[in-house]
Structure formats: C-alpha cells, structure tokens
Protein backbone atom coordinates (compact mmCIF):
# COMPACT_ATOMS: atom_id res chain seq x y z
CA MET A 1 0.06 177.41 97.54
CA LEU A 2 3.40 177.88 95.80
CA VAL A 3 4.23 180.65 98.27
CA LEU A 4 4.06 178.11 101.11
CA TYR A 5 6.51 175.91 99.22
CA GLY A 6 9.08 178.70 99.40
CA ALA A 7 8.14 180.10 102.80
CA ILE A 8 7.97 176.95 104.93
CA PRO A 9 11.72 176.18 104.71
CA THR A 10 12.47 179.61 106.23
CA PHE A 11 11.11 178.31 109.54
CA GLN A 12 13.73 175.57 109.74
CA PRO A 13 16.08 175.91 112.73
CA ALA A 14 19.19 175.43 110.53
CA HIS A 15 20.78 178.04 108.27
CA PHE A 16 18.16 178.58 105.59
CA GLY A 17 20.61 179.29 102.77
CA ARG A 18 22.48 176.05 103.30
CA VAL A 19 19.33 173.97 103.64
CA TYR A 20 17.87 175.48 100.49
CA ALA A 21 21.14 175.03 98.57
CA ALA A 22 21.27 171.36 99.52
CA TYR A 23 17.64 170.95 98.45
CA GLU A 24 18.23 172.63 95.10
CA GLY A 25 21.34 170.54 94.45
CA ILE A 26 19.34 167.37 94.94
CA PHE A 27 16.54 168.77 92.78
CA ILE A 28 18.92 169.54 89.90
CA VAL A 29 20.50 166.08 89.96
CA LEU A 30 17.12 164.36 90.11
CA ALA A 31 15.68 166.54 87.33
CA VAL A 32 18.50 165.63 84.96
CA GLN A 33 18.25 161.97 85.96
CA TRP A 34 14.45 161.96 85.51
CA GLY A 35 14.71 163.46 82.06
CA TRP A 36 17.36 160.95 81.08
CA GLN A 37 15.85 157.76 82.49
CA VAL A 38 12.09 158.38 82.49
CA ASP A 39 11.53 160.80 79.62
CA LYS A 40 14.35 159.24 77.55
CA ILE A 41 15.88 162.64 76.78
CA THR A 42 19.64 162.40 76.83
CA PRO A 43 21.12 165.52 78.41
CA ASP A 44 23.42 167.40 76.06
CA ARG A 45 26.67 169.00 77.08
CA PHE A 46 24.95 172.31 77.93
CA ASP A 47 22.56 170.54 80.31
CA LEU A 48 25.53 168.92 82.03
CA ILE A 49 27.58 172.14 82.08
CA GLY A 50 24.65 174.06 83.56
CA ALA A 51 24.07 171.39 86.20
CA ALA A 52 27.79 171.40 87.05
CA ILE A 53 27.78 175.18 87.46
CA CYS A 54 24.77 174.99 89.75
CA LEU A 55 26.27 172.18 91.79
CA SER A 56 29.54 174.08 92.17
CA GLY A 57 27.49 176.95 93.59
CA VAL A 58 25.82 174.55 95.98
CA SER A 59 29.25 173.33 97.08
CA ILE A 60 30.43 176.87 97.74
CA ILE A 61 27.35 177.68 99.80
CA MET A 62 27.53 174.43 101.75
CA TYR A 63 31.26 174.01 102.35
CA TRP A 64 33.06 177.36 102.06
CA PRO A 65 34.86 178.06 105.34
CA ARG A 66 33.27 180.79 107.36
CA GLY A 67 35.01 182.91 109.89
C-alpha cells in the first residue's frame, strides 16, 4: 500500500519533482506544527534548523529559474 502512496503522484500531469517538493514542504511544516501544538513537544533549534534546510531545498526546486 505504501508503494501506491509514492507511485500515484508520478501520474500527475505537472512536473513530478515540483509537485512532490511542494507536498513535502507542507508535510514538514505540518509535522513540526503538530508536534508543537498537539503533542506539546516544543521544537528545539535543531528541529527548526533542519526544517529550514528542507524548506530552502523546496524553494530551490520550486522557484529556481530554468532555461
């Protein structure tokens, strides 16, 4: 079943890499927010640094000019 989770987005008509990057960026933000607000686990600086690194990668994939 988990294979379908990863395979189904490949059939999207848009650029798969960009769609997947956007999805993962949203997932990372929501995971940190869920841990903070629902599980009451305050993210430490390494959680925030890691999330920032991942989101900068998402930004590069999504918005870097292509020729």
